[in-house]
Every structure is written in structure tokens, then in C-alpha cells.
Amino acid sequence: MRRVRRPLALLSLALGLSIVAMPSAWATVRISRAELSGTRLRLEGTAAANRTITVNGVAMGTSDGAGSFKIARDPFSPPSDCRVAVDDGSGTPATPTLSGCTPSSPPSSSAVALSAVRVDPGEVIGGNPSTGTVTLTSAAPAGGVAVSLSSDNTAAATVPPGVTVPAGATSASFTVSTNQVNAQSALILGTAGGITKYGIITVWDEFNYTHGSIAIVPGGNGSGVITSQPAGINCTITNGNGSGACRSFFLTGTVVRLDARPATNSSFQGWRGLPGCADPSKINVARGTNINCQPGFALK
């Protein structure tokens, strides 16, 4: 009997699979509301479904199953240009300008003001310190320049009330102390010369700092087995249902290969291009993050 080769689009409909073309960048965030009322931030929009939404690198919410999200944060210290970067992990954030926010005026060329606040390292295990550095636009005059400091999430990280850049210097360092929390970020804010800048620190527990995970999401109506190298995943899919080790943790930075073996009554149709799993032969395990991968097995 001659086998008829079906077009991929028809086959995907028959299997209940979504065939997703991989764009050059997952620019999925759309903003419908972005405003600042006093110190209260409000953001609304859509993104990829069930994703952590970050604002200027800080996790502030999660999109629902339809991709919608609403974020409210008070207090919120806006950047000097009133623009925020809203990302769902795609790496291509939306950058709306906040209504109700007034951009700070840049300092005159002769004034000394704050140029940057940096935190290094920017990710630590809770309880370990990091080092913050403030940098001025030019060398501090006689008497030095006092920079006031604060943290917008003291549950995660705290800083001294201020640091002084000594005369003739352009920078000064301070200690950022952290607490034992997991996956919480804090903006470390500095203000001098009428300008506010910030750096970001993210605090993890030890396990999530050193590990990420990969999970298999069953797809199609067929059967097969998904295994991983290094070992960890050994997921049996029977008629579209998964059992066994369908999720496993790996050390952060590990490159994992997934292999799909169809059962005798099934064929392997390929992988759905989910974020982080565009190439299942080399998945980079991310700190504190779960990456979903969906194979498609179809009955012959």
C-alpha cells in the first residue's frame, strides 16, 4: 500500500501540535498601560503565556495562561529618562515611557553628578555580600561628594544610608548585604547632584543558584521515550501522556542533549520551538529557571 505523505501543517492539526516558526528574537511583550502615579507603578500588557515578567531586570509579576499581565508596585523609583524595560525572558524587551513621570534634567557640563551605580556580583546566594560602586560624571571637588543610597527591597538586600566619593576621586565602593531569600531582586539606588541611578542584585537560595531544570511537556497522540545526556530525564510518553522522570535538575551552565525514541507504533514528528528549547540537542541550563521542551509523537 502506498503511503501518502501529508503536508506538515495538516499533520500538525491532526496531532494537536502547534508548529511554531522560530523568529530571530522572541519579542513578545506588548504594553497597553504604562504609568507612574506618585511612587506607584502600573503596567499592563501581554507576553508569552505563564512567564515571569521583569521590569528593568527585576521580577515583578507573571503572565497568565493567555499571556496577559498586570503589575502594580509602590514605591517605584523610575529611571531618569522615565523609560522602563519590560521583558518576559525573550531578551527583546518592550521599552515604554511612563506617563505621569517627568524626566530628570541632565547636569550641566560643569556640575558633578552621579553617573552610574553598579553591583558586582549581580547575583549571589543569600547571606553573602556583594560590592556596590558609585561613579561620578567627573572628579569630586574639595570636601568630596556625598551619594545617598537605598534599596527598594530590603527583604533581599540592604545598603548603608550613603557613601562619600573623596576629593579628586570619581568613584567609591560600599557593601551590599543580602538576606536568605530566593529569586528576589533589589534595585540599589544612588542619588547625587539631582540624578538617581541604580544597579540590580538578585538573591538566590543555594540550590536554585547552582541549578536549573528541564521539563518534558507531552505532545501528540503517539508514544515514545525522551532521555537526556547527562542523565536525568527518562520520560515515557504513552498516547500523549507522560510518566517517569519528565523533569530533572542540572547544574547551572550545563549543556543538555535530549533524545527522542518513538515506540514501534509511533513516529517522531519533531520538537515544538519553545523558548530555551529551540535546539534540544544543546540546551543551556539557566540559573533558577525551568525550560519546557515539547516533543511530538504520532501514531502510525
C-alpha atoms as a PDB file:
ATOM      1  CA  MET A   1       0.000   0.000   0.000  1.00  0.00           C
ATOM      2  CA  ARG A   2       1.402   3.364  -0.994  1.00  0.00           C
ATOM      3  CA  ARG A   3       1.886   5.785   1.918  1.00  0.00           C
ATOM      4  CA  VAL A   4       0.623   9.313   1.314  1.00  0.00           C
ATOM      5  CA  ARG A   5       2.928  11.982   2.709  1.00  0.00           C
ATOM      6  CA  ARG A   6       0.839  14.659   4.362  1.00  0.00           C
ATOM      7  CA  PRO A   7       1.885  18.311   4.456  1.00  0.00           C
ATOM      8  CA  LEU A   8       3.388  19.329   7.802  1.00  0.00           C
ATOM      9  CA  ALA A   9       0.600  21.838   8.528  1.00  0.00           C
ATOM     10  CA  LEU A  10      -2.125  19.154   8.090  1.00  0.00           C
ATOM     11  CA  LEU A  11      -0.166  16.650  10.134  1.00  0.00           C
ATOM     12  CA  SER A  12       0.255  19.154  12.965  1.00  0.00           C
ATOM     13  CA  LEU A  13      -3.505  19.741  13.058  1.00  0.00           C
ATOM     14  CA  ALA A  14      -4.166  16.017  13.187  1.00  0.00           C
ATOM     15  CA  LEU A  15      -1.761  15.611  16.085  1.00  0.00           C
ATOM     16  CA  GLY A  16      -2.947  18.665  18.025  1.00  0.00           C
ATOM     17  CA  LEU A  17       0.547  20.165  17.786  1.00  0.00           C
ATOM     18  CA  SER A  18       1.445  23.799  17.278  1.00  0.00           C
ATOM     19  CA  ILE A  19       4.163  24.315  14.713  1.00  0.00           C
ATOM     20  CA  VAL A  20       5.957  27.476  15.729  1.00  0.00           C
ATOM     21  CA  ALA A  21       8.405  29.205  13.443  1.00  0.00           C
ATOM     22  CA  MET A  22      11.432  30.386  15.338  1.00  0.00           C
ATOM     23  CA  PRO A  23      11.861  34.136  14.925  1.00  0.00           C
ATOM     24  CA  SER A  24      15.258  35.736  15.229  1.00  0.00           C
ATOM     25  CA  ALA A  25      14.245  37.097  18.664  1.00  0.00           C
ATOM     26  CA  TRP A  26      11.265  36.351  20.901  1.00  0.00           C
ATOM     27  CA  ALA A  27       9.930  39.889  21.019  1.00  0.00           C
ATOM     28  CA  THR A  28       6.574  39.019  22.554  1.00  0.00           C
ATOM     29  CA  VAL A  29       5.872  41.814  25.059  1.00  0.00           C
ATOM     30  CA  ARG A  30       3.171  44.349  24.187  1.00  0.00           C
ATOM     31  CA  ILE A  31       2.334  47.202  26.593  1.00  0.00           C
ATOM     32  CA  SER A  32      -1.177  48.644  26.814  1.00  0.00           C
ATOM     33  CA  ARG A  33      -0.699  50.684  30.006  1.00  0.00           C
ATOM     34  CA  ALA A  34       2.446  52.207  31.500  1.00  0.00           C
ATOM     35  CA  GLU A  35       2.059  54.915  34.102  1.00  0.00           C
ATOM     36  CA  LEU A  36       3.524  56.348  37.272  1.00  0.00           C
ATOM     37  CA  SER A  37       1.220  57.933  39.841  1.00  0.00           C
ATOM     38  CA  GLY A  38       3.372  59.461  42.555  1.00  0.00           C
ATOM     39  CA  THR A  39       5.544  56.499  43.515  1.00  0.00           C
ATOM     40  CA  ARG A  40       3.104  53.837  42.256  1.00  0.00           C
ATOM     41  CA  LEU A  41       3.981  51.967  39.060  1.00  0.00           C
ATOM     42  CA  ARG A  42       1.228  50.368  36.948  1.00  0.00           C
ATOM     43  CA  LEU A  43       1.922  48.224  33.891  1.00  0.00           C
ATOM     44  CA  GLU A  44      -0.469  46.134  31.810  1.00  0.00           C
ATOM     45  CA  GLY A  45       0.043  44.196  28.608  1.00  0.00           C
ATOM     46  CA  THR A  46       0.565  40.817  27.002  1.00  0.00           C
ATOM     47  CA  ALA A  47       3.547  38.496  26.731  1.00  0.00           C
ATOM     48  CA  ALA A  48       4.266  34.793  26.294  1.00  0.00           C
ATOM     49  CA  ALA A  49       1.954  32.704  28.485  1.00  0.00           C
ATOM     50  CA  ASN A  50       2.954  31.777  32.045  1.00  0.00           C
ATOM     51  CA  ARG A  51       6.224  33.727  32.025  1.00  0.00           C
ATOM     52  CA  THR A  52       7.951  35.791  34.696  1.00  0.00           C
ATOM     53  CA  ILE A  53       7.698  39.478  33.785  1.00  0.00           C
ATOM     54  CA  THR A  54      10.694  41.644  34.706  1.00  0.00           C
ATOM     55  CA  VAL A  55      10.851  45.428  34.834  1.00  0.00           C
ATOM     56  CA  ASN A  56      14.379  46.809  34.478  1.00  0.00           C
ATOM     57  CA  GLY A  57      15.655  43.316  35.307  1.00  0.00           C
ATOM     58  CA  VAL A  58      13.531  42.886  38.450  1.00  0.00           C
ATOM     59  CA  ALA A  59      10.855  40.168  38.581  1.00  0.00           C
ATOM     60  CA  MET A  60       7.532  41.905  39.301  1.00  0.00           C
ATOM     61  CA  GLY A  61       4.792  39.606  38.027  1.00  0.00           C
ATOM     62  CA  THR A  62       3.717  36.635  35.911  1.00  0.00           C
ATOM     63  CA  SER A  63       1.647  36.427  32.743  1.00  0.00           C
ATOM     64  CA  ASP A  64      -1.423  34.201  32.845  1.00  0.00           C
ATOM     65  CA  GLY A  65      -2.305  31.320  30.526  1.00  0.00           C
ATOM     66  CA  ALA A  66      -3.470  33.775  27.865  1.00  0.00           C
ATOM     67  CA  GLY A  67      -0.313  35.895  28.205  1.00  0.00           C
ATOM     68  CA  SER A  68      -1.950  38.857  29.967  1.00  0.00           C
ATOM     69  CA  PHE A  69      -0.260  40.539  32.921  1.00  0.00           C
ATOM     70  CA  LYS A  70      -0.878  43.405  35.346  1.00  0.00           C
ATOM     71  CA  ILE A  71       1.833  44.856  37.561  1.00  0.00           C
ATOM     72  CA  ALA A  72       1.477  47.313  40.434  1.00  0.00           C
ATOM     73  CA  ARG A  73       4.463  48.353  42.567  1.00  0.00           C
ATOM     74  CA  ASP A  74       4.753  51.006  45.255  1.00  0.00           C
ATOM     75  CA  PRO A  75       7.190  52.533  45.881  1.00  0.00           C
ATOM     76  CA  PHE A  76       8.904  52.518  42.498  1.00  0.00           C
ATOM     77  CA  SER A  77      11.831  54.763  41.624  1.00  0.00           C
ATOM     78  CA  PRO A  78      11.778  55.490  37.885  1.00  0.00           C
ATOM     79  CA  PRO A  79      14.969  55.930  35.857  1.00  0.00           C
ATOM     80  CA  SER A  80      15.931  59.461  34.901  1.00  0.00           C
ATOM     81  CA  ASP A  81      14.540  59.098  31.355  1.00  0.00           C
ATOM     82  CA  CYS A  82      11.222  57.613  32.601  1.00  0.00           C
ATOM     83  CA  ARG A  83      11.611  54.578  30.316  1.00  0.00           C
ATOM     84  CA  VAL A  84      11.368  51.013  31.621  1.00  0.00           C
ATOM     85  CA  ALA A  85      12.415  47.709  30.052  1.00  0.00           C
ATOM     86  CA  VAL A  86       9.634  45.106  30.310  1.00  0.00           C
ATOM     87  CA  ASP A  87      10.695  41.556  29.403  1.00  0.00           C
ATOM     88  CA  ASP A  88       9.246  38.040  29.520  1.00  0.00           C
ATOM     89  CA  GLY A  89      12.613  36.323  29.091  1.00  0.00           C
ATOM     90  CA  SER A  90      12.694  36.842  25.324  1.00  0.00           C
ATOM     91  CA  GLY A  91      15.745  39.091  25.601  1.00  0.00           C
ATOM     92  CA  THR A  92      13.996  41.726  23.470  1.00  0.00           C
ATOM     93  CA  PRO A  93      12.094  43.874  25.983  1.00  0.00           C
ATOM     94  CA  ALA A  94       9.445  46.481  25.337  1.00  0.00           C
ATOM     95  CA  THR A  95      10.619  49.935  26.489  1.00  0.00           C
ATOM     96  CA  PRO A  96       7.600  52.160  27.143  1.00  0.00           C
ATOM     97  CA  THR A  97       7.841  55.677  28.590  1.00  0.00           C
ATOM     98  CA  LEU A  98       5.855  56.033  31.812  1.00  0.00           C
ATOM     99  CA  SER A  99       3.014  58.520  31.692  1.00  0.00           C
ATOM    100  CA  GLY A 100       2.939  60.756  34.757  1.00  0.00           C
ATOM    101  CA  CYS A 101       6.736  60.651  35.018  1.00  0.00           C
ATOM    102  CA  THR A 102       8.927  63.702  34.449  1.00  0.00           C
ATOM    103  CA  PRO A 103      12.428  63.011  33.058  1.00  0.00           C
ATOM    104  CA  SER A 104      15.287  64.359  35.134  1.00  0.00           C
ATOM    105  CA  SER A 105      17.247  67.216  33.622  1.00  0.00           C
ATOM    106  CA  PRO A 106      20.843  66.263  32.794  1.00  0.00           C
ATOM    107  CA  PRO A 107      23.515  68.064  34.795  1.00  0.00           C
ATOM    108  CA  SER A 108      25.364  70.954  33.261  1.00  0.00           C
ATOM    109  CA  SER A 109      28.777  70.109  31.872  1.00  0.00           C
ATOM    110  CA  SER A 110      30.467  71.840  34.796  1.00  0.00           C
ATOM    111  CA  ALA A 111      28.413  70.104  37.537  1.00  0.00           C
ATOM    112  CA  VAL A 112      29.454  66.924  39.310  1.00  0.00           C
ATOM    113  CA  ALA A 113      26.631  64.406  39.474  1.00  0.00           C
ATOM    114  CA  LEU A 114      26.083  60.689  39.692  1.00  0.00           C
ATOM    115  CA  SER A 115      26.920  58.767  36.518  1.00  0.00           C
ATOM    116  CA  ALA A 116      26.303  55.123  37.477  1.00  0.00           C
ATOM    117  CA  VAL A 117      25.616  52.639  40.258  1.00  0.00           C
ATOM    118  CA  ARG A 118      26.910  49.117  39.767  1.00  0.00           C
ATOM    119  CA  VAL A 119      26.674  45.946  41.864  1.00  0.00           C
ATOM    120  CA  ASP A 120      29.225  43.167  41.416  1.00  0.00           C
ATOM    121  CA  PRO A 121      28.450  40.337  41.524  1.00  0.00           C
ATOM    122  CA  GLY A 122      24.876  40.965  40.484  1.00  0.00           C
ATOM    123  CA  GLU A 123      23.687  37.510  41.605  1.00  0.00           C
ATOM    124  CA  VAL A 124      24.572  35.940  44.967  1.00  0.00           C
ATOM    125  CA  ILE A 125      23.481  33.259  47.397  1.00  0.00           C
ATOM    126  CA  GLY A 126      21.505  34.859  50.222  1.00  0.00           C
ATOM    127  CA  GLY A 127      23.675  35.808  53.183  1.00  0.00           C
ATOM    128  CA  ASN A 128      26.714  36.590  51.024  1.00  0.00           C
ATOM    129  CA  PRO A 129      27.689  40.229  50.423  1.00  0.00           C
ATOM    130  CA  SER A 130      28.265  41.995  47.144  1.00  0.00           C
ATOM    131  CA  THR A 131      30.087  45.221  46.332  1.00  0.00           C
ATOM    132  CA  GLY A 132      28.372  48.340  45.088  1.00  0.00           C
ATOM    133  CA  THR A 133      30.202  51.147  43.309  1.00  0.00           C
ATOM    134  CA  VAL A 134      29.032  54.687  42.626  1.00  0.00           C
ATOM    135  CA  THR A 135      30.687  56.651  39.815  1.00  0.00           C
ATOM    136  CA  LEU A 136      30.537  60.407  39.246  1.00  0.00           C
ATOM    137  CA  THR A 137      30.495  62.337  35.984  1.00  0.00           C
ATOM    138  CA  SER A 138      33.825  63.935  36.954  1.00  0.00           C
ATOM    139  CA  ALA A 139      36.276  64.073  39.863  1.00  0.00           C
ATOM    140  CA  ALA A 140      34.800  65.112  43.203  1.00  0.00           C
ATOM    141  CA  PRO A 141      35.689  68.663  44.333  1.00  0.00           C
ATOM    142  CA  ALA A 142      37.211  69.584  47.695  1.00  0.00           C
ATOM    143  CA  GLY A 143      35.198  68.061  50.520  1.00  0.00           C
ATOM    144  CA  GLY A 144      34.039  65.151  48.338  1.00  0.00           C
ATOM    145  CA  VAL A 145      30.559  64.269  47.070  1.00  0.00           C
ATOM    146  CA  ALA A 146      28.001  62.520  49.266  1.00  0.00           C
ATOM    147  CA  VAL A 147      25.866  59.933  47.481  1.00  0.00           C
ATOM    148  CA  SER A 148      22.715  58.788  49.256  1.00  0.00           C
ATOM    149  CA  LEU A 149      21.911  55.080  48.989  1.00  0.00           C
ATOM    150  CA  SER A 150      18.806  52.923  49.386  1.00  0.00           C
ATOM    151  CA  SER A 151      17.368  49.527  48.430  1.00  0.00           C
ATOM    152  CA  ASP A 152      13.856  49.107  47.054  1.00  0.00           C
ATOM    153  CA  ASN A 153      13.637  45.571  48.508  1.00  0.00           C
ATOM    154  CA  THR A 154      15.260  45.382  51.932  1.00  0.00           C
ATOM    155  CA  ALA A 155      13.995  41.814  52.384  1.00  0.00           C
ATOM    156  CA  ALA A 156      16.566  40.831  49.751  1.00  0.00           C
ATOM    157  CA  ALA A 157      19.376  43.382  50.134  1.00  0.00           C
ATOM    158  CA  THR A 158      20.340  46.358  52.297  1.00  0.00           C
ATOM    159  CA  VAL A 159      22.927  49.137  51.945  1.00  0.00           C
ATOM    160  CA  PRO A 160      24.331  51.886  54.159  1.00  0.00           C
ATOM    161  CA  PRO A 161      22.476  55.230  54.005  1.00  0.00           C
ATOM    162  CA  GLY A 162      25.211  56.793  51.935  1.00  0.00           C
ATOM    163  CA  VAL A 163      28.809  56.808  50.726  1.00  0.00           C
ATOM    164  CA  THR A 164      31.199  59.709  50.066  1.00  0.00           C
ATOM    165  CA  VAL A 165      33.370  59.957  46.974  1.00  0.00           C
ATOM    166  CA  PRO A 166      36.553  61.633  48.250  1.00  0.00           C
ATOM    167  CA  ALA A 167      38.004  64.784  46.687  1.00  0.00           C
ATOM    168  CA  GLY A 168      39.829  64.079  43.433  1.00  0.00           C
ATOM    169  CA  ALA A 169      38.224  60.620  43.002  1.00  0.00           C
ATOM    170  CA  THR A 170      35.455  59.652  40.597  1.00  0.00           C
ATOM    171  CA  SER A 171      34.112  56.576  42.422  1.00  0.00           C
ATOM    172  CA  ALA A 172      33.623  54.946  45.814  1.00  0.00           C
ATOM    173  CA  SER A 173      32.543  51.474  46.915  1.00  0.00           C
ATOM    174  CA  PHE A 174      30.159  50.194  49.583  1.00  0.00           C
ATOM    175  CA  THR A 175      28.909  46.835  50.872  1.00  0.00           C
ATOM    176  CA  VAL A 176      25.592  45.358  49.751  1.00  0.00           C
ATOM    177  CA  SER A 177      24.348  42.945  52.430  1.00  0.00           C
ATOM    178  CA  THR A 178      21.892  40.197  51.453  1.00  0.00           C
ATOM    179  CA  ASN A 179      19.370  38.035  53.293  1.00  0.00           C
ATOM    180  CA  GLN A 180      18.411  34.388  52.881  1.00  0.00           C
ATOM    181  CA  VAL A 181      15.644  34.588  50.290  1.00  0.00           C
ATOM    182  CA  ASN A 182      15.215  33.000  46.876  1.00  0.00           C
ATOM    183  CA  ALA A 183      14.880  34.620  43.451  1.00  0.00           C
ATOM    184  CA  GLN A 184      14.298  38.134  44.777  1.00  0.00           C
ATOM    185  CA  SER A 185      15.831  41.197  43.162  1.00  0.00           C
ATOM    186  CA  ALA A 186      16.509  44.634  44.568  1.00  0.00           C
ATOM    187  CA  LEU A 187      17.316  47.955  42.962  1.00  0.00           C
ATOM    188  CA  ILE A 188      20.272  49.596  44.688  1.00  0.00           C
ATOM    189  CA  LEU A 189      19.597  53.304  44.277  1.00  0.00           C
ATOM    190  CA  GLY A 190      22.074  56.139  44.488  1.00  0.00           C
ATOM    191  CA  THR A 191      21.383  59.885  44.269  1.00  0.00           C
ATOM    192  CA  ALA A 192      23.774  62.816  43.904  1.00  0.00           C
ATOM    193  CA  GLY A 193      23.670  66.117  42.046  1.00  0.00           C
ATOM    194  CA  GLY A 194      19.947  65.708  41.456  1.00  0.00           C
ATOM    195  CA  ILE A 195      20.467  62.485  39.497  1.00  0.00           C
ATOM    196  CA  THR A 196      19.344  58.999  40.597  1.00  0.00           C
ATOM    197  CA  LYS A 197      20.909  55.840  39.171  1.00  0.00           C
ATOM    198  CA  TYR A 198      20.565  52.193  40.142  1.00  0.00           C
ATOM    199  CA  GLY A 199      22.196  48.791  39.978  1.00  0.00           C
ATOM    200  CA  ILE A 200      20.450  45.428  40.360  1.00  0.00           C
ATOM    201  CA  ILE A 201      21.207  42.491  42.604  1.00  0.00           C
ATOM    202  CA  THR A 202      19.331  39.165  42.585  1.00  0.00           C
ATOM    203  CA  VAL A 203      19.453  36.942  45.668  1.00  0.00           C
ATOM    204  CA  TRP A 204      19.024  33.163  45.459  1.00  0.00           C
ATOM    205  CA  ASP A 205      18.991  30.202  47.777  1.00  0.00           C
ATOM    206  CA  GLU A 206      21.958  27.900  47.256  1.00  0.00           C
ATOM    207  CA  PHE A 207      20.146  25.161  45.301  1.00  0.00           C
ATOM    208  CA  ASN A 208      18.466  27.483  42.797  1.00  0.00           C
ATOM    209  CA  TYR A 209      21.679  29.467  42.397  1.00  0.00           C
ATOM    210  CA  THR A 210      23.542  26.355  41.319  1.00  0.00           C
ATOM    211  CA  HIS A 211      20.741  24.539  39.458  1.00  0.00           C
ATOM    212  CA  GLY A 212      18.118  24.928  36.742  1.00  0.00           C
ATOM    213  CA  SER A 213      15.687  22.381  35.367  1.00  0.00           C
ATOM    214  CA  ILE A 214      14.333  20.958  32.108  1.00  0.00           C
ATOM    215  CA  ALA A 215      10.805  19.537  31.853  1.00  0.00           C
ATOM    216  CA  ILE A 216       9.178  17.468  29.123  1.00  0.00           C
ATOM    217  CA  VAL A 217       5.679  18.553  28.094  1.00  0.00           C
ATOM    218  CA  PRO A 218       3.920  15.649  26.304  1.00  0.00           C
ATOM    219  CA  GLY A 219       2.606  16.358  22.812  1.00  0.00           C
ATOM    220  CA  GLY A 220       0.798  14.428  20.094  1.00  0.00           C
ATOM    221  CA  ASN A 221      -1.191  11.188  20.384  1.00  0.00           C
ATOM    222  CA  GLY A 222       1.655   8.713  19.989  1.00  0.00           C
ATOM    223  CA  SER A 223       4.164   7.087  22.281  1.00  0.00           C
ATOM    224  CA  GLY A 224       7.909   7.177  22.840  1.00  0.00           C
ATOM    225  CA  VAL A 225      10.704   7.877  25.298  1.00  0.00           C
ATOM    226  CA  ILE A 226      12.706  11.063  25.919  1.00  0.00           C
ATOM    227  CA  THR A 227      16.121  10.728  27.588  1.00  0.00           C
ATOM    228  CA  SER A 228      18.865  13.232  28.340  1.00  0.00           C
ATOM    229  CA  GLN A 229      22.637  13.447  28.297  1.00  0.00           C
ATOM    230  CA  PRO A 230      23.812  13.975  31.013  1.00  0.00           C
ATOM    231  CA  ALA A 231      21.366  11.520  32.549  1.00  0.00           C
ATOM    232  CA  GLY A 232      18.389  12.847  34.464  1.00  0.00           C
ATOM    233  CA  ILE A 233      15.388  12.813  32.154  1.00  0.00           C
ATOM    234  CA  ASN A 234      13.833   9.456  31.275  1.00  0.00           C
ATOM    235  CA  CYS A 235      10.270  10.348  30.322  1.00  0.00           C
ATOM    236  CA  THR A 236       7.906   7.761  28.863  1.00  0.00           C
ATOM    237  CA  ILE A 237       5.077   9.181  26.762  1.00  0.00           C
ATOM    238  CA  THR A 238       2.138   6.861  26.154  1.00  0.00           C
ATOM    239  CA  ASN A 239      -0.636   8.058  23.863  1.00  0.00           C
ATOM    240  CA  GLY A 240       0.256  11.654  24.663  1.00  0.00           C
ATOM    241  CA  ASN A 241       0.586  11.176  28.449  1.00  0.00           C
ATOM    242  CA  GLY A 242       3.925  11.411  30.262  1.00  0.00           C
ATOM    243  CA  SER A 243       5.264   9.336  33.145  1.00  0.00           C
ATOM    244  CA  GLY A 244       8.598   8.708  34.831  1.00  0.00           C
ATOM    245  CA  ALA A 245      11.375  11.294  35.152  1.00  0.00           C
ATOM    246  CA  CYS A 246       9.845  14.018  32.963  1.00  0.00           C
ATOM    247  CA  ARG A 247      11.644  16.825  34.810  1.00  0.00           C
ATOM    248  CA  SER A 248      15.191  16.935  36.113  1.00  0.00           C
ATOM    249  CA  PHE A 249      17.552  19.471  37.682  1.00  0.00           C
ATOM    250  CA  PHE A 250      21.034  20.084  36.289  1.00  0.00           C
ATOM    251  CA  LEU A 251      23.916  22.296  37.351  1.00  0.00           C
ATOM    252  CA  THR A 252      23.688  25.860  36.062  1.00  0.00           C
ATOM    253  CA  GLY A 253      25.533  26.209  32.761  1.00  0.00           C
ATOM    254  CA  THR A 254      25.277  22.513  31.840  1.00  0.00           C
ATOM    255  CA  VAL A 255      24.604  21.837  28.154  1.00  0.00           C
ATOM    256  CA  VAL A 256      21.968  19.088  27.936  1.00  0.00           C
ATOM    257  CA  ARG A 257      21.043  16.983  24.898  1.00  0.00           C
ATOM    258  CA  LEU A 258      17.570  15.462  24.608  1.00  0.00           C
ATOM    259  CA  ASP A 259      16.985  12.323  22.531  1.00  0.00           C
ATOM    260  CA  ALA A 260      13.568  11.146  21.311  1.00  0.00           C
ATOM    261  CA  ARG A 261      12.878   7.466  20.541  1.00  0.00           C
ATOM    262  CA  PRO A 262       9.404   6.650  19.185  1.00  0.00           C
ATOM    263  CA  ALA A 263       7.589   3.423  20.096  1.00  0.00           C
ATOM    264  CA  THR A 264       7.065   0.837  17.333  1.00  0.00           C
ATOM    265  CA  ASN A 265       3.518   2.061  16.714  1.00  0.00           C
ATOM    266  CA  SER A 266       4.512   5.726  16.515  1.00  0.00           C
ATOM    267  CA  SER A 267       6.716   8.175  14.662  1.00  0.00           C
ATOM    268  CA  PHE A 268       8.574  11.213  15.983  1.00  0.00           C
ATOM    269  CA  GLN A 269       7.350  14.435  14.387  1.00  0.00           C
ATOM    270  CA  GLY A 270       9.869  16.854  15.891  1.00  0.00           C
ATOM    271  CA  TRP A 271      10.044  19.430  18.678  1.00  0.00           C
ATOM    272  CA  ARG A 272       7.900  22.438  19.294  1.00  0.00           C
ATOM    273  CA  GLY A 273      10.119  25.531  19.399  1.00  0.00           C
ATOM    274  CA  LEU A 274       9.529  26.641  22.976  1.00  0.00           C
ATOM    275  CA  PRO A 275      11.709  29.405  24.494  1.00  0.00           C
ATOM    276  CA  GLY A 276      15.017  27.969  25.663  1.00  0.00           C
ATOM    277  CA  CYS A 277      14.401  24.727  23.757  1.00  0.00           C
ATOM    278  CA  ALA A 278      14.848  25.864  20.170  1.00  0.00           C
ATOM    279  CA  ASP A 279      17.612  23.264  19.760  1.00  0.00           C
ATOM    280  CA  PRO A 280      17.037  20.264  22.067  1.00  0.00           C
ATOM    281  CA  SER A 281      20.476  18.902  21.166  1.00  0.00           C
ATOM    282  CA  LYS A 282      22.131  21.692  23.185  1.00  0.00           C
ATOM    283  CA  ILE A 283      20.015  23.255  25.909  1.00  0.00           C
ATOM    284  CA  ASN A 284      21.858  25.654  28.199  1.00  0.00           C
ATOM    285  CA  VAL A 285      20.610  25.209  31.752  1.00  0.00           C
ATOM    286  CA  ALA A 286      19.803  28.600  33.269  1.00  0.00           C
ATOM    287  CA  ARG A 287      20.095  29.512  36.951  1.00  0.00           C
ATOM    288  CA  GLY A 288      16.858  29.026  38.880  1.00  0.00           C
ATOM    289  CA  THR A 289      14.881  28.559  35.657  1.00  0.00           C
ATOM    290  CA  ASN A 290      12.787  25.717  34.271  1.00  0.00           C
ATOM    291  CA  ILE A 291      12.908  25.184  30.496  1.00  0.00           C
ATOM    292  CA  ASN A 292       9.974  23.349  28.902  1.00  0.00           C
ATOM    293  CA  CYS A 293      10.517  21.115  25.864  1.00  0.00           C
ATOM    294  CA  GLN A 294       7.665  19.512  23.920  1.00  0.00           C
ATOM    295  CA  PRO A 295       8.207  16.507  21.627  1.00  0.00           C
ATOM    296  CA  GLY A 296       5.563  15.295  19.182  1.00  0.00           C
ATOM    297  CA  PHE A 297       4.893  11.552  18.814  1.00  0.00           C
ATOM    298  CA  ALA A 298       2.189  10.463  16.361  1.00  0.00           C
ATOM    299  CA  LEU A 299       0.522   7.106  15.882  1.00  0.00           C
ATOM    300  CA  LYS A 300       1.402   5.495  12.568  1.00  0.00           C
END
